[in-house]
């Protein structure tokens, strides 16, 4: 089956068929629909190898993640992959959650093999050498999670997110508010755990409250880590333990809720708990949280990439894009018992 047969059946030129099936170039909606219908009837599928030879493109985007098993990262990946699929692109995934040499292998070897047209880096603060490698081979790239000099990036204001969650707890008249933040191993790229700690500190200071060191616990952004950290905070004598906890991720907040239960404490009667993410299970747990819409983040990253891969005279890729966030109040927070 050839492109010429599709063109004859659709009543258009082969060039129109090429534009309609590749998604590049202007084609009227009526012509596009005729081409797609003809291709379906004839069982025609674009040869990726031939298309790559003709265009110099692989129609493939590399997505580099520090973790895959955590909800935030898998959700960003899901949003990006779906948007890329609809745009006619494949995905090559690079998961760095292994030994230390994997990051160097990806940026010094795999991405330089011309197998991808562009790169999305999620929560990775690219070094000068890594940026130089991508620029040297002319690969468009987008960052998600924090600022990268000279690279279009999408980022959430982590300080403001933590302030919003903590201010919600303060607004409920809590005065002893603990935090489960990220540990040293988690504070690698963009210093997100440090920023969320600062947001908690700022909200307390603005309310005239003392951010006591004894109200700070650290974990690794997992349910298990949040559970252990909450046991540390809530295992203190009643007069010393917090009446509310802000967890820097929903997964740690889930662990805190389970720890409270195992200690015989009621949520929110004895302790209110708030998180960040709006995890898929947040509503099931009744968790108050700050939603950050990771699937939308992945989709927006693809939109910015496509502006570079298929540029239009009417739009240019933005340098930096602030990401939305929103407080979702559920049953895990309430006024403290008197």
Protein backbone atom coordinates (compact mmCIF):
# COMPACT_ATOMS: atom_id res chain seq x y z
CA UNK A 1 0.00 0.00 0.00
CA UNK A 2 1.45 3.37 -1.03
CA UNK A 3 0.79 7.01 -0.22
CA UNK A 4 -0.26 7.51 -3.85
CA UNK A 5 -3.18 5.07 -3.45
CA UNK A 6 -4.33 6.95 -0.31
CA UNK A 7 -4.13 10.22 -2.27
CA UNK A 8 -6.22 8.79 -5.16
CA UNK A 9 -8.92 7.49 -2.85
CA UNK A 10 -9.06 10.73 -0.86
CA UNK A 11 -8.97 12.89 -4.00
CA UNK A 12 -5.98 14.95 -2.84
CA UNK A 13 -2.28 15.24 -3.64
CA UNK A 14 0.37 13.04 -2.05
CA UNK A 15 1.77 16.16 -0.37
CA UNK A 16 -1.59 16.73 1.33
CA UNK A 17 -1.63 13.12 2.48
CA UNK A 18 1.87 13.54 3.92
CA UNK A 19 0.89 16.70 5.81
CA UNK A 20 -2.36 15.21 7.09
CA UNK A 21 -0.75 12.03 8.40
CA UNK A 22 2.35 13.68 9.85
CA UNK A 23 0.54 16.55 11.54
CA UNK A 24 3.01 19.02 10.03
CA UNK A 25 1.82 21.79 7.75
CA UNK A 26 -1.62 23.22 7.05
CA UNK A 27 -4.42 20.93 5.87
CA UNK A 28 -8.13 21.79 5.93
CA UNK A 29 -10.20 19.75 8.38
CA UNK A 30 -12.29 18.32 5.53
CA UNK A 31 -9.21 17.18 3.60
CA UNK A 32 -7.63 15.74 6.75
CA UNK A 33 -10.74 13.70 7.46
CA UNK A 34 -10.84 12.35 3.87
CA UNK A 35 -7.19 11.33 4.12
CA UNK A 36 -7.67 9.61 7.48
CA UNK A 37 -10.75 7.79 6.20
CA UNK A 38 -8.90 6.65 3.07
CA UNK A 39 -5.93 5.48 5.13
CA UNK A 40 -8.25 3.50 7.39
CA UNK A 41 -10.05 1.88 4.46
CA UNK A 42 -6.79 0.89 2.79
CA UNK A 43 -5.03 -0.11 6.02
CA UNK A 44 -2.23 2.36 5.28
CA UNK A 45 0.27 3.09 8.07
CA UNK A 46 3.09 5.62 7.70
CA UNK A 47 6.50 3.97 7.52
CA UNK A 48 8.41 5.54 10.39
CA UNK A 49 11.73 4.56 8.88
CA UNK A 50 10.91 6.22 5.55
CA UNK A 51 9.49 9.27 7.29
CA UNK A 52 12.62 9.64 9.40
CA UNK A 53 14.88 9.39 6.37
CA UNK A 54 12.90 12.03 4.54
CA UNK A 55 12.53 14.49 7.41
CA UNK A 56 15.54 13.81 9.62
CA UNK A 57 13.05 13.34 12.47
CA UNK A 58 12.39 10.24 14.56
CA UNK A 59 8.97 11.38 15.84
CA UNK A 60 10.22 10.27 19.24
CA UNK A 61 10.67 12.31 22.45
CA UNK A 62 12.90 11.28 25.35
CA UNK A 63 11.53 11.80 28.87
CA UNK A 64 14.08 11.68 31.70
CA UNK A 65 12.80 11.04 35.25
CA UNK A 66 14.64 10.60 38.56
CA UNK A 67 12.00 8.10 39.74
CA UNK A 68 9.17 6.18 38.10
CA UNK A 69 7.54 4.42 41.03
CA UNK A 70 6.36 7.62 42.72
CA UNK A 71 2.95 8.99 41.91
CA UNK A 72 4.00 12.52 40.92
CA UNK A 73 6.54 11.36 38.34
CA UNK A 74 4.35 8.66 36.85
CA UNK A 75 1.51 11.20 36.57
CA UNK A 76 3.71 13.74 34.75
CA UNK A 77 4.80 10.93 32.42
CA UNK A 78 1.19 9.90 31.79
CA UNK A 79 0.15 13.45 30.88
CA UNK A 80 3.13 13.89 28.56
CA UNK A 81 2.77 10.49 26.89
CA UNK A 82 -0.91 10.97 26.13
CA UNK A 83 -0.33 14.40 24.60
CA UNK A 84 2.61 13.10 22.54
CA UNK A 85 0.60 10.11 21.30
CA UNK A 86 -2.17 12.40 20.08
CA UNK A 87 0.46 14.49 18.28
CA UNK A 88 1.90 11.40 16.57
CA UNK A 89 5.06 11.00 18.65
CA UNK A 90 6.52 7.97 20.39
CA UNK A 91 8.20 8.12 23.82
CA UNK A 92 11.51 6.79 25.04
CA UNK A 93 11.67 6.70 28.83
CA UNK A 94 14.89 7.16 30.80
CA UNK A 95 14.39 6.25 34.47
CA UNK A 96 17.37 7.30 36.61
CA UNK A 97 16.30 5.49 39.81
CA UNK A 98 19.31 3.22 39.78
CA UNK A 99 23.04 3.50 40.34
CA UNK A 100 24.78 6.87 40.15
CA UNK A 101 26.24 6.28 36.69
CA UNK A 102 22.87 6.09 34.93
CA UNK A 103 22.44 9.86 34.65
CA UNK A 104 25.83 10.22 32.96
CA UNK A 105 25.02 7.34 30.59
CA UNK A 106 21.74 8.98 29.54
CA UNK A 107 23.12 12.46 28.89
CA UNK A 108 26.55 11.46 27.57
CA UNK A 109 25.52 8.48 25.45
CA UNK A 110 21.86 7.62 24.93
CA UNK A 111 20.53 11.11 24.13
CA UNK A 112 23.41 11.72 21.72
CA UNK A 113 22.52 8.77 19.47
CA UNK A 114 20.00 10.85 17.51
CA UNK A 115 17.15 8.52 18.51
CA UNK A 116 14.94 11.32 19.89
CA UNK A 117 13.83 14.66 18.48
CA UNK A 118 13.55 16.40 21.85
CA UNK A 119 13.91 15.87 25.59
CA UNK A 120 11.70 16.55 28.62
CA UNK A 121 13.62 16.58 31.92
CA UNK A 122 11.39 16.17 34.99
CA UNK A 123 12.68 17.47 38.36
CA UNK A 124 16.26 17.44 37.09
CA UNK A 125 18.46 20.51 37.43
CA UNK A 126 20.59 20.04 34.31
CA UNK A 127 24.28 20.77 34.63
CA UNK A 128 26.20 22.96 32.19
CA UNK A 129 27.71 19.82 30.65
CA UNK A 130 24.29 18.18 30.19
CA UNK A 131 22.85 21.34 28.66
CA UNK A 132 25.89 21.62 26.40
CA UNK A 133 25.40 18.06 25.14
CA UNK A 134 21.77 18.73 24.20
CA UNK A 135 22.54 22.07 22.57
CA UNK A 136 25.44 20.61 20.61
CA UNK A 137 23.13 18.20 18.77
CA UNK A 138 20.30 20.73 18.44
CA UNK A 139 17.74 18.92 20.57
CA UNK A 140 14.90 21.09 21.89
CA UNK A 141 14.32 20.48 25.57
CA UNK A 142 11.89 21.48 28.29
CA UNK A 143 12.28 21.30 32.04
CA UNK A 144 9.55 20.50 34.56
CA UNK A 145 10.06 21.32 38.22
CA UNK A 146 12.37 24.32 38.40
CA UNK A 147 14.34 26.97 36.53
CA UNK A 148 17.04 25.92 34.05
CA UNK A 149 19.00 28.80 32.47
CA UNK A 150 18.15 29.22 28.80
CA UNK A 151 15.59 26.40 28.79
CA UNK A 152 11.78 26.74 28.69
CA UNK A 153 10.62 25.48 32.07
CA UNK A 154 7.43 24.81 33.98
CA UNK A 155 7.57 25.21 37.74
CA UNK A 156 5.36 25.44 40.76
CA UNK A 157 6.04 27.95 43.55
CA UNK A 158 6.96 25.45 46.27
CA UNK A 159 7.28 28.14 48.94
CA UNK A 160 3.79 29.46 48.17
CA UNK A 161 2.33 25.94 48.10
CA UNK A 162 3.66 25.19 51.60
CA UNK A 163 2.50 28.58 52.85
CA UNK A 164 -1.00 27.92 51.55
CA UNK A 165 -1.32 24.56 53.32
CA UNK A 166 0.15 25.93 56.56
CA UNK A 167 -2.01 29.05 56.46
CA UNK A 168 -5.06 26.81 56.12
CA UNK A 169 -4.06 25.06 59.37
CA UNK A 170 -3.39 28.41 61.07
CA UNK A 171 -6.78 29.64 59.92
CA UNK A 172 -8.32 26.70 61.82
CA UNK A 173 -6.64 28.07 65.01
CA UNK A 174 -3.85 25.51 65.20
CA UNK A 175 -0.79 26.88 66.98
CA UNK A 176 1.47 23.83 67.21
CA UNK A 177 1.92 22.84 63.57
CA UNK A 178 4.53 20.26 62.68
CA UNK A 179 6.06 19.52 59.30
CA UNK A 180 7.16 16.32 57.62
CA UNK A 181 9.63 17.55 55.01
CA UNK A 182 12.12 15.95 52.69
CA UNK A 183 15.33 14.44 54.00
CA UNK A 184 18.83 15.27 52.77
CA UNK A 185 18.77 12.55 50.11
CA UNK A 186 15.58 14.04 48.65
CA UNK A 187 16.95 17.59 48.44
CA UNK A 188 18.96 17.16 45.25
CA UNK A 189 17.55 19.10 42.30
CA UNK A 190 15.83 22.50 42.65
CA UNK A 191 15.83 22.11 46.47
CA UNK A 192 12.08 21.51 46.64
CA UNK A 193 12.12 20.14 50.22
CA UNK A 194 14.00 23.22 51.43
CA UNK A 195 11.52 25.52 49.69
CA UNK A 196 8.52 23.80 51.27
CA UNK A 197 10.22 24.02 54.66
CA UNK A 198 10.69 27.76 54.12
CA UNK A 199 7.03 28.16 53.18
CA UNK A 200 6.01 26.48 56.45
CA UNK A 201 8.42 28.69 58.41
CA UNK A 202 7.21 31.87 56.72
CA UNK A 203 3.53 31.11 57.35
CA UNK A 204 4.23 30.48 61.04
CA UNK A 205 6.38 33.59 61.39
CA UNK A 206 3.73 35.76 59.74
CA UNK A 207 1.20 34.46 62.29
CA UNK A 208 3.55 35.21 65.19
CA UNK A 209 4.23 31.52 65.83
CA UNK A 210 7.58 29.96 66.61
CA UNK A 211 8.71 27.29 64.11
CA UNK A 212 10.13 24.99 66.80
CA UNK A 213 12.89 22.57 65.73
CA UNK A 214 11.09 19.81 67.64
CA UNK A 215 8.14 20.11 65.27
CA UNK A 216 10.28 19.25 62.21
CA UNK A 217 10.62 15.68 60.97
CA UNK A 218 12.18 14.44 57.74
CA UNK A 219 11.26 11.62 55.39
CA UNK A 220 11.82 10.37 51.85
CA UNK A 221 8.47 11.27 50.20
CA UNK A 222 7.10 7.76 50.66
CA UNK A 223 4.18 6.44 52.73
CA UNK A 224 6.62 4.45 54.86
CA UNK A 225 8.81 7.49 55.44
CA UNK A 226 5.82 9.65 56.38
CA UNK A 227 4.63 6.96 58.80
CA UNK A 228 7.99 6.85 60.63
CA UNK A 229 8.28 10.65 60.74
CA UNK A 230 4.75 11.06 62.09
CA UNK A 231 5.45 8.47 64.80
CA UNK A 232 8.37 10.68 65.83
CA UNK A 233 6.18 13.82 66.02
CA UNK A 234 3.05 12.27 67.50
CA UNK A 235 4.82 9.98 69.95
CA UNK A 236 5.80 12.96 72.09
CA UNK A 237 3.89 13.79 75.30
CA UNK A 238 0.54 15.43 74.60
CA UNK A 239 1.70 18.90 75.63
CA UNK A 240 4.62 18.72 73.16
CA UNK A 241 3.06 17.06 70.16
CA UNK A 242 1.57 19.07 67.29
CA UNK A 243 -2.17 19.49 66.84
CA UNK A 244 -1.63 19.68 63.08
CA UNK A 245 0.94 18.42 60.58
CA UNK A 246 1.82 19.72 57.14
CA UNK A 247 3.38 16.95 55.03
CA UNK A 248 5.37 18.03 51.97
CA UNK A 249 3.72 15.31 49.85
CA UNK A 250 0.45 13.40 49.94
CA UNK A 251 2.23 10.06 50.21
CA UNK A 252 3.94 11.22 53.41
CA UNK A 253 0.57 12.59 54.59
CA UNK A 254 -1.00 9.14 54.05
CA UNK A 255 1.76 7.66 56.21
CA UNK A 256 1.08 10.28 58.89
CA UNK A 257 -2.63 9.44 58.91
CA UNK A 258 -1.84 5.74 59.34
CA UNK A 259 0.65 6.51 62.12
CA UNK A 260 -1.95 8.60 63.96
CA UNK A 261 -4.41 5.73 63.74
CA UNK A 262 -1.89 3.24 65.10
CA UNK A 263 -1.16 5.59 68.01
CA UNK A 264 -4.85 5.72 68.84
CA UNK A 265 -5.27 9.31 67.64
CA UNK A 266 -8.23 10.59 65.68
CA UNK A 267 -7.77 12.55 62.43
CA UNK A 268 -8.76 15.39 62.56
CA UNK A 269 -10.03 15.27 66.18
CA UNK A 270 -6.58 14.88 67.75
CA UNK A 271 -4.41 15.97 64.84
CA UNK A 272 -5.16 17.65 61.51
CA UNK A 273 -3.06 16.60 58.52
CA UNK A 274 -2.56 18.37 55.17
CA UNK A 275 -0.41 17.44 52.18
CA UNK A 276 0.66 18.51 48.70
CA UNK A 277 -0.18 16.85 45.34
CA UNK A 278 -3.85 15.81 45.26
CA UNK A 279 -2.79 12.21 44.78
CA UNK A 280 -5.33 9.87 43.17
CA UNK A 281 -5.99 8.41 46.65
CA UNK A 282 -6.32 11.78 48.41
CA UNK A 283 -10.08 11.86 48.15
CA UNK A 284 -10.33 8.27 49.40
CA UNK A 285 -8.27 9.21 52.47
CA UNK A 286 -10.23 12.42 52.87
CA UNK A 287 -6.94 14.31 52.78
CA UNK A 288 -6.83 18.08 52.65
CA UNK A 289 -4.11 18.93 50.16
CA UNK A 290 -2.76 21.46 47.69
CA UNK A 291 -3.34 20.12 44.17
CA UNK A 292 -0.54 20.67 41.66
CA UNK A 293 -1.99 18.83 38.61
CA UNK A 294 1.04 16.74 37.47
CA UNK A 295 -0.72 15.27 34.41
CA UNK A 296 -1.39 18.82 33.20
CA UNK A 297 2.28 19.62 33.82
CA UNK A 298 3.32 16.78 31.51
CA UNK A 299 0.84 17.84 28.82
CA UNK A 300 1.97 21.48 28.98
CA UNK A 301 5.60 20.44 28.68
CA UNK A 302 4.72 18.66 25.43
CA UNK A 303 2.84 21.73 24.15
CA UNK A 304 5.97 23.83 24.69
CA UNK A 305 8.12 21.21 22.95
CA UNK A 306 5.81 21.14 19.95
CA UNK A 307 6.18 24.91 19.62
CA UNK A 308 9.90 24.26 19.12
CA UNK A 309 9.59 21.14 16.96
CA UNK A 310 6.82 22.53 14.76
CA UNK A 311 7.19 26.32 15.14
CA UNK A 312 4.48 28.73 14.06
CA UNK A 313 4.97 32.37 13.17
CA UNK A 314 2.12 33.15 15.55
CA UNK A 315 3.59 31.69 18.70
CA UNK A 316 6.91 31.12 20.37
CA UNK A 317 7.80 28.85 23.27
CA UNK A 318 7.62 30.75 26.59
CA UNK A 319 10.78 31.03 28.64
CA UNK A 320 9.16 30.08 31.95
CA UNK A 321 5.63 28.99 32.79
CA UNK A 322 4.32 29.19 36.37
CA UNK A 323 2.12 26.24 37.22
CA UNK A 324 -1.27 26.44 38.94
CA UNK A 325 -2.05 25.03 42.38
CA UNK A 326 -5.22 24.90 44.44
CA UNK A 327 -6.19 24.09 48.04
CA UNK A 328 -8.57 21.12 48.30
CA UNK A 329 -10.17 21.01 51.76
CA UNK A 330 -11.39 17.59 52.92
CA UNK A 331 -12.09 15.87 56.22
CA UNK A 332 -8.48 15.45 57.47
CA UNK A 333 -8.36 19.02 58.85
CA UNK A 334 -10.54 20.71 61.45
CA UNK A 335 -10.30 23.08 64.40
CA UNK A 336 -8.35 21.64 67.35
CA UNK A 337 -10.28 20.21 70.27
CA UNK A 338 -10.45 22.56 73.23
